[in-house]
Protein backbone atom coordinates (compact mmCIF):
# COMPACT_ATOMS: atom_id res chain seq x y z
CA MET A 1 16.31 12.33 0.47
CA THR A 2 16.43 15.18 -1.99
CA PRO A 3 14.82 18.49 -0.99
CA LEU A 4 11.06 18.86 -1.42
CA PRO A 5 8.95 19.33 -3.44
CA HIS A 6 9.39 16.14 -5.47
CA ARG A 7 7.68 15.80 -8.83
CA TYR A 8 6.77 12.52 -10.56
CA PHE A 9 5.98 12.36 -14.26
CA VAL A 10 3.95 9.65 -16.00
CA THR A 11 2.67 9.50 -19.58
CA ALA A 12 -0.41 7.42 -20.42
CA THR A 13 -0.87 6.55 -24.11
CA GLY A 14 -3.79 4.65 -25.64
CA SER A 15 -6.41 4.54 -28.36
CA HIS A 16 -10.17 3.87 -28.44
CA ASP A 17 -9.61 0.26 -27.32
CA GLY A 18 -6.81 -1.96 -26.04
CA ASP A 19 -4.25 -1.44 -23.32
CA VAL A 20 -2.99 1.85 -22.00
CA ALA A 21 0.80 2.21 -21.92
CA LEU A 22 2.10 3.88 -18.75
CA ASP A 23 5.60 5.32 -19.01
CA THR A 24 7.94 7.14 -16.66
CA PRO A 25 11.61 7.87 -17.27
CA GLN A 26 14.04 4.96 -16.74
CA VAL A 27 11.28 2.41 -15.94
CA ALA A 28 9.83 -0.35 -18.13
CA THR A 29 6.44 0.37 -19.69
CA LEU A 30 3.47 -0.89 -17.70
CA ARG A 31 0.28 -1.93 -19.50
CA SER A 32 -3.11 -1.28 -17.94
CA ALA A 33 -6.77 -1.77 -18.84
CA SER A 34 -10.16 -1.40 -17.21
CA PRO A 35 -10.84 -4.01 -14.53
CA ALA A 36 -13.39 -6.76 -15.17
CA GLU A 37 -15.89 -4.89 -12.97
CA PHE A 38 -15.92 -2.12 -15.60
CA GLY A 39 -15.97 -4.38 -18.66
CA GLY A 40 -12.22 -4.76 -19.05
CA PRO A 41 -10.35 -8.00 -19.59
CA GLY A 42 -9.51 -8.43 -15.89
CA ASN A 43 -5.99 -9.67 -16.62
CA ARG A 44 -4.13 -6.35 -16.51
CA TRP A 45 -3.25 -3.80 -13.89
CA SER A 46 -6.00 -1.17 -13.77
CA PRO A 47 -6.11 2.31 -12.23
CA GLU A 48 -8.00 0.75 -9.33
CA THR A 49 -5.51 -2.04 -8.67
CA LEU A 50 -2.58 0.34 -9.18
CA LEU A 51 -4.00 2.66 -6.50
CA VAL A 52 -4.46 -0.21 -4.04
CA ALA A 53 -0.95 -1.46 -4.91
CA ALA A 54 0.42 2.02 -4.23
CA VAL A 55 -1.07 1.92 -0.72
CA ALA A 56 0.49 -1.52 -0.04
CA ASP A 57 3.86 -0.60 -1.55
CA CYS A 58 4.04 2.72 0.29
CA PHE A 59 3.17 1.07 3.61
CA LEU A 60 5.94 -1.51 3.19
CA LEU A 61 8.55 1.05 2.10
CA THR A 62 7.52 3.39 4.94
CA PHE A 63 7.81 0.49 7.38
CA ARG A 64 11.34 -0.17 6.11
CA ALA A 65 12.39 3.41 6.86
CA VAL A 66 10.63 3.60 10.24
CA ALA A 67 12.01 0.21 11.33
CA GLU A 68 15.53 1.27 10.42
CA ALA A 69 15.18 4.59 12.27
CA SER A 70 13.74 2.72 15.29
CA GLY A 71 16.44 0.04 15.31
CA LEU A 72 13.84 -2.72 14.82
CA PRO A 73 15.28 -5.92 13.36
CA TRP A 74 12.79 -7.79 11.18
CA ALA A 75 12.80 -10.68 8.74
CA SER A 76 9.81 -10.09 6.46
CA LEU A 77 6.61 -8.11 6.04
CA GLN A 78 3.66 -9.03 3.88
CA CYS A 79 0.98 -6.39 3.42
CA GLU A 80 -2.38 -7.26 1.86
CA VAL A 81 -4.62 -4.33 1.02
CA GLU A 82 -8.28 -4.39 0.08
CA GLY A 83 -9.63 -1.16 -1.38
CA THR A 84 -13.39 -0.60 -1.31
CA LEU A 85 -14.86 1.35 -4.23
CA ASP A 86 -18.40 2.66 -3.75
CA ARG A 87 -20.77 5.34 -4.94
CA ILE A 88 -20.84 8.40 -2.68
CA GLU A 89 -23.20 11.23 -3.63
CA ARG A 90 -23.42 10.04 -7.26
CA ALA A 91 -19.62 9.76 -7.68
CA LEU A 92 -17.46 6.65 -7.53
CA GLN A 93 -14.62 6.79 -5.04
CA PHE A 94 -12.58 4.59 -2.78
CA THR A 95 -14.18 4.67 0.67
CA ARG A 96 -11.63 2.67 2.66
CA PHE A 97 -8.42 0.70 2.52
CA ASP A 98 -8.04 -2.31 4.80
CA LEU A 99 -4.40 -3.23 5.37
CA ARG A 100 -3.45 -6.63 6.77
CA ALA A 101 0.23 -6.61 7.70
CA HIS A 102 2.02 -9.82 8.65
CA LEU A 103 5.38 -9.04 10.22
CA GLU A 104 8.02 -11.60 11.11
CA VAL A 105 10.70 -10.59 13.58
CA PRO A 106 13.60 -12.58 15.08
CA ALA A 107 13.31 -14.10 18.55
CA GLY A 108 14.00 -11.64 21.33
CA VAL A 109 12.59 -8.61 19.52
CA ASP A 110 10.38 -6.28 21.56
CA VAL A 111 6.87 -6.98 20.21
CA GLU A 112 5.59 -3.66 21.60
CA LEU A 113 8.26 -1.80 19.59
CA ALA A 114 7.25 -3.77 16.48
CA ARG A 115 3.60 -2.81 17.04
CA ARG A 116 4.51 0.87 17.42
CA VAL A 117 6.60 0.77 14.24
CA LEU A 118 3.67 -0.76 12.31
CA GLU A 119 1.29 1.92 13.64
CA LYS A 120 3.73 4.73 12.88
CA SER A 121 4.24 3.36 9.37
CA GLU A 122 0.53 3.51 8.68
CA ARG A 123 0.30 7.09 9.96
CA ALA A 124 3.37 8.14 7.93
CA CYS A 125 2.45 6.52 4.60
CA LEU A 126 2.37 9.42 2.15
CA VAL A 127 0.06 7.65 -0.32
CA SER A 128 -2.60 6.88 2.32
CA ASN A 129 -2.22 10.41 3.67
CA SER A 130 -2.92 11.77 0.19
CA LEU A 131 -6.26 9.97 -0.22
CA LYS A 132 -9.76 10.80 1.06
CA ALA A 133 -10.52 7.25 2.14
CA ALA A 134 -9.52 6.08 5.61
CA SER A 135 -7.04 3.27 6.02
CA HIS A 136 -7.41 0.60 8.69
CA LEU A 137 -4.47 -1.52 9.79
CA GLN A 138 -4.79 -5.01 11.18
CA SER A 139 -1.49 -6.74 11.89
CA SER A 140 0.08 -9.89 13.19
CA ILE A 141 3.63 -10.21 14.43
CA ARG A 142 5.41 -13.55 14.35
CA VAL A 143 8.31 -13.90 16.74
CA GLY A 144 10.31 -17.03 16.13
CA SER A 145 7.76 -19.87 16.38
CA THR A 146 5.10 -18.04 18.44
CA ASP A 147 2.47 -15.61 17.21
CA SER A 148 1.37 -12.43 18.87
CA GLN A 149 -1.84 -11.18 17.24
CA LEU A 150 -2.40 -7.43 17.26
CA ALA A 151 -5.57 -5.74 16.04
CA LEU A 152 -5.00 -2.09 15.25
CA SER A 153 -7.42 0.39 13.76
CA CYS A 154 -6.34 3.82 12.64
CA SER A 155 -8.34 6.27 10.55
């Protein structure tokens, strides 16, 4: 990791209608539009879906780092995130993020260690930590052909 602080630069370009072009150095342009709930076409990434995607992506990448540091072998992780947008004191804001993580680990892996790594990943996710809304993790761990269901809630 390079020394902090890190800075990230994005340019958004658009006109009175149509898509917004999102650019950052050395990355392909991403097109966005308002979501269907706000009168947009509903077939593009929107600021709302990009924010929810950032929570999911950050959780998975944080899990990768924490699992490696913890010596946890794992096969796959799927993270579904539902962001809830609501009106609070006359302003729209996200009020919560519900994460559903489905982790698959090889047979013989310590399920308790896997659970701790999932919990630590949620607590360490820099995107979630940067938002007002609470995140709530619910996870399942699949070991070989048996399932161990874990329900975790962290605010």
